[in-house]
PDB file of N, CA and C in Angstrom:
ATOM      1  N   UNK A   1      17.086  -3.576  23.721  1.00  0.00           N
ATOM      2  CA  UNK A   1      17.981  -2.974  22.770  1.00  0.00           C
ATOM      3  C   UNK A   1      17.490  -1.546  22.470  1.00  0.00           C
ATOM      4  N   UNK A   2      18.428  -0.582  22.582  1.00  0.00           N
ATOM      5  CA  UNK A   2      18.050   0.817  22.305  1.00  0.00           C
ATOM      6  C   UNK A   2      18.428   1.144  20.894  1.00  0.00           C
ATOM      7  N   UNK A   3      17.501   1.852  20.212  1.00  0.00           N
ATOM      8  CA  UNK A   3      17.698   2.309  18.835  1.00  0.00           C
ATOM      9  C   UNK A   3      17.313   3.785  18.799  1.00  0.00           C
ATOM     10  N   UNK A   4      18.196   4.583  18.172  1.00  0.00           N
ATOM     11  CA  UNK A   4      17.848   6.014  17.970  1.00  0.00           C
ATOM     12  C   UNK A   4      17.186   6.144  16.578  1.00  0.00           C
ATOM     13  N   UNK A   5      16.010   6.747  16.570  1.00  0.00           N
ATOM     14  CA  UNK A   5      15.290   6.921  15.338  1.00  0.00           C
ATOM     15  C   UNK A   5      15.254   8.434  15.048  1.00  0.00           C
ATOM     16  N   UNK A   6      15.771   8.768  13.835  1.00  0.00           N
ATOM     17  CA  UNK A   6      15.805  10.200  13.398  1.00  0.00           C
ATOM     18  C   UNK A   6      14.890  10.386  12.224  1.00  0.00           C
ATOM     19  N   UNK A   7      14.018  11.369  12.288  1.00  0.00           N
ATOM     20  CA  UNK A   7      13.157  11.762  11.233  1.00  0.00           C
ATOM     21  C   UNK A   7      13.502  13.176  10.785  1.00  0.00           C
ATOM     22  N   UNK A   8      14.177  13.361   9.647  1.00  0.00           N
ATOM     23  CA  UNK A   8      14.598  14.673   9.221  1.00  0.00           C
ATOM     24  C   UNK A   8      13.465  15.532   8.734  1.00  0.00           C
ATOM     25  N   UNK A   9      13.682  16.830   8.616  1.00  0.00           N
ATOM     26  CA  UNK A   9      12.631  17.754   8.149  1.00  0.00           C
ATOM     27  C   UNK A   9      12.480  17.542   6.649  1.00  0.00           C
ATOM     28  N   UNK A  10      11.252  17.326   6.205  1.00  0.00           N
ATOM     29  CA  UNK A  10      10.883  17.124   4.765  1.00  0.00           C
ATOM     30  C   UNK A  10       9.539  17.851   4.585  1.00  0.00           C
ATOM     31  N   UNK A  11       9.371  18.408   3.363  1.00  0.00           N
ATOM     32  CA  UNK A  11       8.141  19.112   3.056  1.00  0.00           C
ATOM     33  C   UNK A  11       6.913  18.219   3.057  1.00  0.00           C
ATOM     34  N   UNK A  12       6.995  17.058   2.352  1.00  0.00           N
ATOM     35  CA  UNK A  12       5.936  16.091   2.373  1.00  0.00           C
ATOM     36  C   UNK A  12       5.762  15.534   3.751  1.00  0.00           C
ATOM     37  N   UNK A  13       4.602  15.324   4.191  1.00  0.00           N
ATOM     38  CA  UNK A  13       4.279  14.725   5.512  1.00  0.00           C
ATOM     39  C   UNK A  13       4.779  15.538   6.707  1.00  0.00           C
ATOM     40  N   UNK A  14       4.961  16.842   6.505  1.00  0.00           N
ATOM     41  CA  UNK A  14       5.558  17.728   7.589  1.00  0.00           C
ATOM     42  C   UNK A  14       4.561  17.906   8.760  1.00  0.00           C
ATOM     43  N   UNK A  15       3.289  17.626   8.588  1.00  0.00           N
ATOM     44  CA  UNK A  15       2.359  17.767   9.694  1.00  0.00           C
ATOM     45  C   UNK A  15       1.765  16.435  10.123  1.00  0.00           C
ATOM     46  N   UNK A  16       2.318  15.344   9.598  1.00  0.00           N
ATOM     47  CA  UNK A  16       1.796  14.038   9.929  1.00  0.00           C
ATOM     48  C   UNK A  16       2.807  13.179  10.598  1.00  0.00           C
ATOM     49  N   UNK A  17       2.361  12.288  11.473  1.00  0.00           N
ATOM     50  CA  UNK A  17       3.267  11.391  12.221  1.00  0.00           C
ATOM     51  C   UNK A  17       3.371  10.093  11.440  1.00  0.00           C
ATOM     52  N   UNK A  18       4.557   9.436  11.591  1.00  0.00           N
ATOM     53  CA  UNK A  18       4.732   8.121  11.096  1.00  0.00           C
ATOM     54  C   UNK A  18       4.486   7.193  12.282  1.00  0.00           C
ATOM     55  N   UNK A  19       4.073   5.986  12.007  1.00  0.00           N
ATOM     56  CA  UNK A  19       3.878   5.005  13.058  1.00  0.00           C
ATOM     57  C   UNK A  19       4.977   3.894  12.855  1.00  0.00           C
ATOM     58  N   UNK A  20       5.600   3.564  13.941  1.00  0.00           N
ATOM     59  CA  UNK A  20       6.667   2.587  13.911  1.00  0.00           C
ATOM     60  C   UNK A  20       6.074   1.232  14.447  1.00  0.00           C
ATOM     61  N   UNK A  21       6.234   0.198  13.661  1.00  0.00           N
ATOM     62  CA  UNK A  21       5.811  -1.151  14.017  1.00  0.00           C
ATOM     63  C   UNK A  21       6.982  -2.013  14.342  1.00  0.00           C
ATOM     64  N   UNK A  22       6.880  -2.779  15.391  1.00  0.00           N
ATOM     65  CA  UNK A  22       7.955  -3.722  15.758  1.00  0.00           C
ATOM     66  C   UNK A  22       7.372  -5.141  15.707  1.00  0.00           C
ATOM     67  N   UNK A  23       7.931  -5.927  14.773  1.00  0.00           N
ATOM     68  CA  UNK A  23       7.454  -7.310  14.546  1.00  0.00           C
ATOM     69  C   UNK A  23       5.957  -7.347  14.219  1.00  0.00           C
ATOM     70  N   UNK A  24       5.466  -6.325  13.484  1.00  0.00           N
ATOM     71  CA  UNK A  24       4.079  -6.299  13.087  1.00  0.00           C
ATOM     72  C   UNK A  24       3.114  -5.634  14.024  1.00  0.00           C
ATOM     73  N   UNK A  25       3.579  -5.199  15.177  1.00  0.00           N
ATOM     74  CA  UNK A  25       2.733  -4.556  16.203  1.00  0.00           C
ATOM     75  C   UNK A  25       3.061  -3.116  16.322  1.00  0.00           C
ATOM     76  N   UNK A  26       2.007  -2.274  16.433  1.00  0.00           N
ATOM     77  CA  UNK A  26       2.232  -0.802  16.546  1.00  0.00           C
ATOM     78  C   UNK A  26       2.931  -0.538  17.791  1.00  0.00           C
ATOM     79  N   UNK A  27       4.046   0.235  17.657  1.00  0.00           N
ATOM     80  CA  UNK A  27       4.949   0.481  18.804  1.00  0.00           C
ATOM     81  C   UNK A  27       4.970   1.918  19.292  1.00  0.00           C
ATOM     82  N   UNK A  28       5.158   2.851  18.377  1.00  0.00           N
ATOM     83  CA  UNK A  28       5.254   4.280  18.757  1.00  0.00           C
ATOM     84  C   UNK A  28       5.021   5.202  17.553  1.00  0.00           C
ATOM     85  N   UNK A  29       4.871   6.472  17.810  1.00  0.00           N
ATOM     86  CA  UNK A  29       4.755   7.459  16.760  1.00  0.00           C
ATOM     87  C   UNK A  29       6.066   8.197  16.620  1.00  0.00           C
ATOM     88  N   UNK A  30       6.384   8.578  15.353  1.00  0.00           N
ATOM     89  CA  UNK A  30       7.582   9.342  15.077  1.00  0.00           C
ATOM     90  C   UNK A  30       7.109  10.734  14.590  1.00  0.00           C
ATOM     91  N   UNK A  31       7.407  11.719  15.322  1.00  0.00           N
ATOM     92  CA  UNK A  31       6.975  13.072  14.997  1.00  0.00           C
ATOM     93  C   UNK A  31       7.918  13.673  13.894  1.00  0.00           C
ATOM     94  N   UNK A  32       7.412  14.610  13.092  1.00  0.00           N
ATOM     95  CA  UNK A  32       8.248  15.272  12.088  1.00  0.00           C
ATOM     96  C   UNK A  32       9.406  16.026  12.720  1.00  0.00           C
ATOM     97  N   UNK A  33      10.533  16.043  12.074  1.00  0.00           N
ATOM     98  CA  UNK A  33      11.742  16.761  12.406  1.00  0.00           C
ATOM     99  C   UNK A  33      12.131  16.445  13.883  1.00  0.00           C
ATOM    100  N   UNK A  34      12.264  15.157  14.195  1.00  0.00           N
ATOM    101  CA  UNK A  34      12.545  14.788  15.600  1.00  0.00           C
ATOM    102  C   UNK A  34      13.563  13.634  15.667  1.00  0.00           C
ATOM    103  N   UNK A  35      14.039  13.386  16.855  1.00  0.00           N
ATOM    104  CA  UNK A  35      14.919  12.292  17.112  1.00  0.00           C
ATOM    105  C   UNK A  35      14.481  11.664  18.456  1.00  0.00           C
ATOM    106  N   UNK A  36      14.405  10.367  18.486  1.00  0.00           N
ATOM    107  CA  UNK A  36      14.015   9.743  19.764  1.00  0.00           C
ATOM    108  C   UNK A  36      14.681   8.379  19.860  1.00  0.00           C
ATOM    109  N   UNK A  37      14.978   8.029  21.133  1.00  0.00           N
ATOM    110  CA  UNK A  37      15.521   6.697  21.448  1.00  0.00           C
ATOM    111  C   UNK A  37      14.395   5.785  21.914  1.00  0.00           C
ATOM    112  N   UNK A  38      14.293   4.600  21.237  1.00  0.00           N
ATOM    113  CA  UNK A  38      13.277   3.664  21.653  1.00  0.00           C
ATOM    114  C   UNK A  38      13.941   2.383  22.134  1.00  0.00           C
ATOM    115  N   UNK A  39      13.358   1.711  23.064  1.00  0.00           N
ATOM    116  CA  UNK A  39      13.826   0.418  23.565  1.00  0.00           C
ATOM    117  C   UNK A  39      12.939  -0.667  23.019  1.00  0.00           C
ATOM    118  N   UNK A  40      13.505  -1.535  22.213  1.00  0.00           N
ATOM    119  CA  UNK A  40      12.733  -2.670  21.676  1.00  0.00           C
ATOM    120  C   UNK A  40      13.262  -3.922  22.305  1.00  0.00           C
ATOM    121  N   UNK A  41      12.417  -4.938  22.380  1.00  0.00           N
ATOM    122  CA  UNK A  41      12.918  -6.225  22.982  1.00  0.00           C
ATOM    123  C   UNK A  41      14.063  -6.764  22.214  1.00  0.00           C
ATOM    124  N   UNK A  42      14.967  -7.446  22.878  1.00  0.00           N
ATOM    125  CA  UNK A  42      16.258  -7.965  22.266  1.00  0.00           C
ATOM    126  C   UNK A  42      15.920  -9.022  21.204  1.00  0.00           C
ATOM    127  N   UNK A  43      14.815  -9.671  21.234  1.00  0.00           N
ATOM    128  CA  UNK A  43      14.488 -10.693  20.266  1.00  0.00           C
ATOM    129  C   UNK A  43      13.759 -10.141  18.988  1.00  0.00           C
ATOM    130  N   UNK A  44      13.707  -8.817  18.884  1.00  0.00           N
ATOM    131  CA  UNK A  44      12.983  -8.169  17.772  1.00  0.00           C
ATOM    132  C   UNK A  44      13.673  -8.514  16.444  1.00  0.00           C
ATOM    133  N   UNK A  45      12.884  -8.952  15.467  1.00  0.00           N
ATOM    134  CA  UNK A  45      13.427  -9.297  14.145  1.00  0.00           C
ATOM    135  C   UNK A  45      13.443  -8.130  13.203  1.00  0.00           C
ATOM    136  N   UNK A  46      12.312  -7.345  13.174  1.00  0.00           N
ATOM    137  CA  UNK A  46      12.277  -6.251  12.159  1.00  0.00           C
ATOM    138  C   UNK A  46      11.430  -5.100  12.669  1.00  0.00           C
ATOM    139  N   UNK A  47      11.666  -3.922  12.074  1.00  0.00           N
ATOM    140  CA  UNK A  47      10.812  -2.775  12.284  1.00  0.00           C
ATOM    141  C   UNK A  47      10.318  -2.314  10.950  1.00  0.00           C
ATOM    142  N   UNK A  48       9.216  -1.560  11.003  1.00  0.00           N
ATOM    143  CA  UNK A  48       8.606  -1.017   9.768  1.00  0.00           C
ATOM    144  C   UNK A  48       7.924   0.318  10.128  1.00  0.00           C
ATOM    145  N   UNK A  49       8.018   1.269   9.214  1.00  0.00           N
ATOM    146  CA  UNK A  49       7.296   2.533   9.382  1.00  0.00           C
ATOM    147  C   UNK A  49       6.129   2.594   8.461  1.00  0.00           C
ATOM    148  N   UNK A  50       5.060   3.225   8.950  1.00  0.00           N
ATOM    149  CA  UNK A  50       3.807   3.325   8.139  1.00  0.00           C
ATOM    150  C   UNK A  50       3.185   4.707   8.304  1.00  0.00           C
ATOM    151  N   UNK A  51       2.513   5.129   7.264  1.00  0.00           N
ATOM    152  CA  UNK A  51       1.686   6.328   7.268  1.00  0.00           C
ATOM    153  C   UNK A  51       0.507   6.059   6.335  1.00  0.00           C
ATOM    154  N   UNK A  52      -0.687   6.161   6.915  1.00  0.00           N
ATOM    155  CA  UNK A  52      -1.927   5.825   6.210  1.00  0.00           C
ATOM    156  C   UNK A  52      -1.767   4.433   5.552  1.00  0.00           C
ATOM    157  N   UNK A  53      -1.924   4.324   4.272  1.00  0.00           N
ATOM    158  CA  UNK A  53      -1.829   2.965   3.614  1.00  0.00           C
ATOM    159  C   UNK A  53      -0.453   2.740   2.992  1.00  0.00           C
ATOM    160  N   UNK A  54       0.465   3.672   3.200  1.00  0.00           N
ATOM    161  CA  UNK A  54       1.821   3.519   2.642  1.00  0.00           C
ATOM    162  C   UNK A  54       2.733   3.075   3.796  1.00  0.00           C
ATOM    163  N   UNK A  55       3.835   2.420   3.382  1.00  0.00           N
ATOM    164  CA  UNK A  55       4.791   1.899   4.391  1.00  0.00           C
ATOM    165  C   UNK A  55       6.161   1.855   3.836  1.00  0.00           C
ATOM    166  N   UNK A  56       7.071   1.390   4.661  1.00  0.00           N
ATOM    167  CA  UNK A  56       8.455   1.146   4.293  1.00  0.00           C
ATOM    168  C   UNK A  56       8.604  -0.365   4.115  1.00  0.00           C
ATOM    169  N   UNK A  57       9.604  -0.846   3.433  1.00  0.00           N
ATOM    170  CA  UNK A  57       9.927  -2.266   3.509  1.00  0.00           C
ATOM    171  C   UNK A  57      10.316  -2.675   4.926  1.00  0.00           C
ATOM    172  N   UNK A  58      10.174  -3.901   5.301  1.00  0.00           N
ATOM    173  CA  UNK A  58      10.653  -4.353   6.599  1.00  0.00           C
ATOM    174  C   UNK A  58      12.148  -4.128   6.740  1.00  0.00           C
ATOM    175  N   UNK A  59      12.571  -3.599   7.856  1.00  0.00           N
ATOM    176  CA  UNK A  59      14.017  -3.366   8.153  1.00  0.00           C
ATOM    177  C   UNK A  59      14.442  -4.370   9.173  1.00  0.00           C
ATOM    178  N   UNK A  60      15.264  -5.375   8.785  1.00  0.00           N
ATOM    179  CA  UNK A  60      15.671  -6.420   9.691  1.00  0.00           C
ATOM    180  C   UNK A  60      16.851  -5.954  10.558  1.00  0.00           C
ATOM    181  N   UNK A  61      16.658  -6.023  11.824  1.00  0.00           N
ATOM    182  CA  UNK A  61      17.668  -5.494  12.739  1.00  0.00           C
ATOM    183  C   UNK A  61      18.912  -6.348  12.832  1.00  0.00           C
ATOM    184  N   UNK A  62      18.834  -7.593  12.571  1.00  0.00           N
ATOM    185  CA  UNK A  62      20.015  -8.476  12.599  1.00  0.00           C
ATOM    186  C   UNK A  62      21.036  -8.135  11.539  1.00  0.00           C
ATOM    187  N   UNK A  63      20.642  -7.429  10.463  1.00  0.00           N
ATOM    188  CA  UNK A  63      21.550  -7.006   9.404  1.00  0.00           C
ATOM    189  C   UNK A  63      22.083  -5.596   9.628  1.00  0.00           C
ATOM    190  N   UNK A  64      21.669  -4.923  10.693  1.00  0.00           N
ATOM    191  CA  UNK A  64      22.015  -3.482  10.915  1.00  0.00           C
ATOM    192  C   UNK A  64      23.272  -3.399  11.728  1.00  0.00           C
ATOM    193  N   UNK A  65      24.291  -2.794  11.187  1.00  0.00           N
ATOM    194  CA  UNK A  65      25.536  -2.522  11.926  1.00  0.00           C
ATOM    195  C   UNK A  65      25.388  -1.395  12.897  1.00  0.00           C
ATOM    196  N   UNK A  66      24.388  -0.519  12.663  1.00  0.00           N
ATOM    197  CA  UNK A  66      24.172   0.709  13.457  1.00  0.00           C
ATOM    198  C   UNK A  66      22.920   0.626  14.276  1.00  0.00           C
ATOM    199  N   UNK A  67      22.925   1.320  15.407  1.00  0.00           N
ATOM    200  CA  UNK A  67      21.675   1.391  16.240  1.00  0.00           C
ATOM    201  C   UNK A  67      21.126   2.813  16.085  1.00  0.00           C
ATOM    202  N   UNK A  68      21.512   3.509  15.024  1.00  0.00           N
ATOM    203  CA  UNK A  68      20.998   4.843  14.720  1.00  0.00           C
ATOM    204  C   UNK A  68      20.423   4.822  13.339  1.00  0.00           C
ATOM    205  N   UNK A  69      19.096   4.988  13.214  1.00  0.00           N
ATOM    206  CA  UNK A  69      18.438   4.848  11.958  1.00  0.00           C
ATOM    207  C   UNK A  69      17.683   6.131  11.529  1.00  0.00           C
ATOM    208  N   UNK A  70      17.547   6.350  10.235  1.00  0.00           N
ATOM    209  CA  UNK A  70      16.823   7.463   9.684  1.00  0.00           C
ATOM    210  C   UNK A  70      15.587   6.938   9.046  1.00  0.00           C
ATOM    211  N   UNK A  71      14.458   7.543   9.316  1.00  0.00           N
ATOM    212  CA  UNK A  71      13.168   7.200   8.709  1.00  0.00           C
ATOM    213  C   UNK A  71      12.700   8.405   7.916  1.00  0.00           C
ATOM    214  N   UNK A  72      12.493   8.284   6.632  1.00  0.00           N
ATOM    215  CA  UNK A  72      12.018   9.417   5.875  1.00  0.00           C
ATOM    216  C   UNK A  72      11.260   8.913   4.616  1.00  0.00           C
ATOM    217  N   UNK A  73      10.584   9.830   3.927  1.00  0.00           N
ATOM    218  CA  UNK A  73       9.899   9.447   2.701  1.00  0.00           C
ATOM    219  C   UNK A  73      10.870   9.550   1.541  1.00  0.00           C
ATOM    220  N   UNK A  74      10.556   8.933   0.436  1.00  0.00           N
ATOM    221  CA  UNK A  74      11.474   8.883  -0.694  1.00  0.00           C
ATOM    222  C   UNK A  74      11.307  10.054  -1.699  1.00  0.00           C
ATOM    223  N   UNK A  75      10.420  10.972  -1.421  1.00  0.00           N
ATOM    224  CA  UNK A  75      10.149  12.018  -2.357  1.00  0.00           C
ATOM    225  C   UNK A  75      11.222  13.082  -2.110  1.00  0.00           C
ATOM    226  N   UNK A  76      12.198  13.128  -2.941  1.00  0.00           N
ATOM    227  CA  UNK A  76      13.260  14.189  -2.851  1.00  0.00           C
ATOM    228  C   UNK A  76      13.565  14.626  -4.233  1.00  0.00           C
ATOM    229  N   UNK A  77      14.124  15.811  -4.363  1.00  0.00           N
ATOM    230  CA  UNK A  77      14.530  16.295  -5.691  1.00  0.00           C
ATOM    231  C   UNK A  77      13.769  17.530  -6.058  1.00  0.00           C
ATOM    232  N   UNK A  78      13.735  17.767  -7.305  1.00  0.00           N
ATOM    233  CA  UNK A  78      13.155  19.080  -7.799  1.00  0.00           C
ATOM    234  C   UNK A  78      11.609  19.085  -7.891  1.00  0.00           C
ATOM    235  N   UNK A  79      11.143  20.156  -8.507  1.00  0.00           N
ATOM    236  CA  UNK A  79       9.747  20.433  -8.581  1.00  0.00           C
ATOM    237  C   UNK A  79       9.000  19.327  -9.393  1.00  0.00           C
ATOM    238  N   UNK A  80       9.592  18.917 -10.529  1.00  0.00           N
ATOM    239  CA  UNK A  80       8.950  17.888 -11.370  1.00  0.00           C
ATOM    240  C   UNK A  80       8.813  16.555 -10.602  1.00  0.00           C
ATOM    241  N   UNK A  81       9.837  16.147  -9.863  1.00  0.00           N
ATOM    242  CA  UNK A  81       9.746  14.911  -9.117  1.00  0.00           C
ATOM    243  C   UNK A  81       8.708  15.027  -8.039  1.00  0.00           C
ATOM    244  N   UNK A  82       8.575  16.213  -7.413  1.00  0.00           N
ATOM    245  CA  UNK A  82       7.583  16.406  -6.364  1.00  0.00           C
ATOM    246  C   UNK A  82       6.147  16.283  -6.914  1.00  0.00           C
ATOM    247  N   UNK A  83       5.975  16.492  -8.222  1.00  0.00           N
ATOM    248  CA  UNK A  83       4.659  16.337  -8.853  1.00  0.00           C
ATOM    249  C   UNK A  83       4.346  14.902  -9.257  1.00  0.00           C
ATOM    250  N   UNK A  84       5.368  14.228  -9.784  1.00  0.00           N
ATOM    251  CA  UNK A  84       5.151  12.908 -10.367  1.00  0.00           C
ATOM    252  C   UNK A  84       5.331  11.769  -9.333  1.00  0.00           C
ATOM    253  N   UNK A  85       6.352  11.801  -8.535  1.00  0.00           N
ATOM    254  CA  UNK A  85       6.586  10.674  -7.599  1.00  0.00           C
ATOM    255  C   UNK A  85       5.450  10.412  -6.614  1.00  0.00           C
ATOM    256  N   UNK A  86       4.760  11.407  -6.071  1.00  0.00           N
ATOM    257  CA  UNK A  86       3.659  11.067  -5.152  1.00  0.00           C
ATOM    258  C   UNK A  86       2.625  10.152  -5.755  1.00  0.00           C
ATOM    259  N   UNK A  87       2.311  10.356  -7.011  1.00  0.00           N
ATOM    260  CA  UNK A  87       1.310   9.516  -7.689  1.00  0.00           C
ATOM    261  C   UNK A  87       1.810   8.025  -7.731  1.00  0.00           C
ATOM    262  N   UNK A  88       3.075   7.862  -7.999  1.00  0.00           N
ATOM    263  CA  UNK A  88       3.642   6.497  -7.998  1.00  0.00           C
ATOM    264  C   UNK A  88       3.589   5.885  -6.577  1.00  0.00           C
ATOM    265  N   UNK A  89       4.081   6.671  -5.625  1.00  0.00           N
ATOM    266  CA  UNK A  89       4.204   6.115  -4.243  1.00  0.00           C
ATOM    267  C   UNK A  89       2.900   5.889  -3.512  1.00  0.00           C
ATOM    268  N   UNK A  90       1.852   6.564  -3.909  1.00  0.00           N
ATOM    269  CA  UNK A  90       0.563   6.311  -3.210  1.00  0.00           C
ATOM    270  C   UNK A  90      -0.279   5.183  -3.943  1.00  0.00           C
ATOM    271  N   UNK A  91       0.244   4.716  -5.052  1.00  0.00           N
ATOM    272  CA  UNK A  91      -0.442   3.634  -5.797  1.00  0.00           C
ATOM    273  C   UNK A  91       0.456   2.372  -5.853  1.00  0.00           C
ATOM    274  N   UNK A  92       1.206   2.274  -6.905  1.00  0.00           N
ATOM    275  CA  UNK A  92       2.053   1.053  -7.141  1.00  0.00           C
ATOM    276  C   UNK A  92       3.162   0.963  -6.065  1.00  0.00           C
ATOM    277  N   UNK A  93       3.784   1.990  -5.731  1.00  0.00           N
ATOM    278  CA  UNK A  93       4.913   1.947  -4.839  1.00  0.00           C
ATOM    279  C   UNK A  93       4.601   2.208  -3.355  1.00  0.00           C
ATOM    280  N   UNK A  94       3.344   1.900  -2.969  1.00  0.00           N
ATOM    281  CA  UNK A  94       2.902   2.208  -1.600  1.00  0.00           C
ATOM    282  C   UNK A  94       3.692   1.489  -0.533  1.00  0.00           C
ATOM    283  N   UNK A  95       4.313   0.388  -0.833  1.00  0.00           N
ATOM    284  CA  UNK A  95       5.095  -0.368   0.194  1.00  0.00           C
ATOM    285  C   UNK A  95       6.561   0.097   0.176  1.00  0.00           C
ATOM    286  N   UNK A  96       6.884   1.146  -0.618  1.00  0.00           N
ATOM    287  CA  UNK A  96       8.217   1.649  -0.641  1.00  0.00           C
ATOM    288  C   UNK A  96       8.259   3.167  -0.448  1.00  0.00           C
ATOM    289  N   UNK A  97       7.150   3.777  -0.088  1.00  0.00           N
ATOM    290  CA  UNK A  97       7.044   5.231   0.100  1.00  0.00           C
ATOM    291  C   UNK A  97       7.976   5.709   1.157  1.00  0.00           C
ATOM    292  N   UNK A  98       8.060   4.993   2.272  1.00  0.00           N
ATOM    293  CA  UNK A  98       9.014   5.386   3.369  1.00  0.00           C
ATOM    294  C   UNK A  98      10.283   4.501   3.288  1.00  0.00           C
ATOM    295  N   UNK A  99      11.317   4.973   3.869  1.00  0.00           N
ATOM    296  CA  UNK A  99      12.544   4.176   3.885  1.00  0.00           C
ATOM    297  C   UNK A  99      13.222   4.246   5.267  1.00  0.00           C
ATOM    298  N   UNK A 100      13.791   3.189   5.653  1.00  0.00           N
ATOM    299  CA  UNK A 100      14.531   3.147   6.903  1.00  0.00           C
ATOM    300  C   UNK A 100      15.977   2.772   6.505  1.00  0.00           C
ATOM    301  N   UNK A 101      16.943   3.575   6.945  1.00  0.00           N
ATOM    302  CA  UNK A 101      18.316   3.259   6.571  1.00  0.00           C
ATOM    303  C   UNK A 101      19.267   3.694   7.701  1.00  0.00           C
ATOM    304  N   UNK A 102      20.434   3.112   7.702  1.00  0.00           N
ATOM    305  CA  UNK A 102      21.459   3.423   8.730  1.00  0.00           C
ATOM    306  C   UNK A 102      21.883   4.894   8.609  1.00  0.00           C
ATOM    307  N   UNK A 103      22.132   5.506   9.738  1.00  0.00           N
ATOM    308  CA  UNK A 103      22.623   6.828   9.811  1.00  0.00           C
ATOM    309  C   UNK A 103      24.170   6.757   9.705  1.00  0.00           C
ATOM    310  N   UNK A 104      24.752   7.524   8.817  1.00  0.00           N
ATOM    311  CA  UNK A 104      26.186   7.500   8.631  1.00  0.00           C
ATOM    312  C   UNK A 104      26.907   8.496   9.475  1.00  0.00           C
TER     313      UNK A 104
END
């Protein structure tokens, strides 16, 4: 099964790669501001993105209507959010720092 993974340009993590895991096994790297097509086995249940000790929730492929996904961090907004949100996401929210969602 082919899936297109898009990682948009974001200030946070702009020089670091995300690692994509398929069913718990490291699969590939996702470079900043890039798009790539990956081939995963047809029996794949979920994918997950990780960076250091932070990650995304598991994204189950059987619920996905699209084969085009966006992987990005959740830190968006103004200056104040850019100061406060990183503290939350590197501690309590470390399993929700990244997000995987359908591309519209």
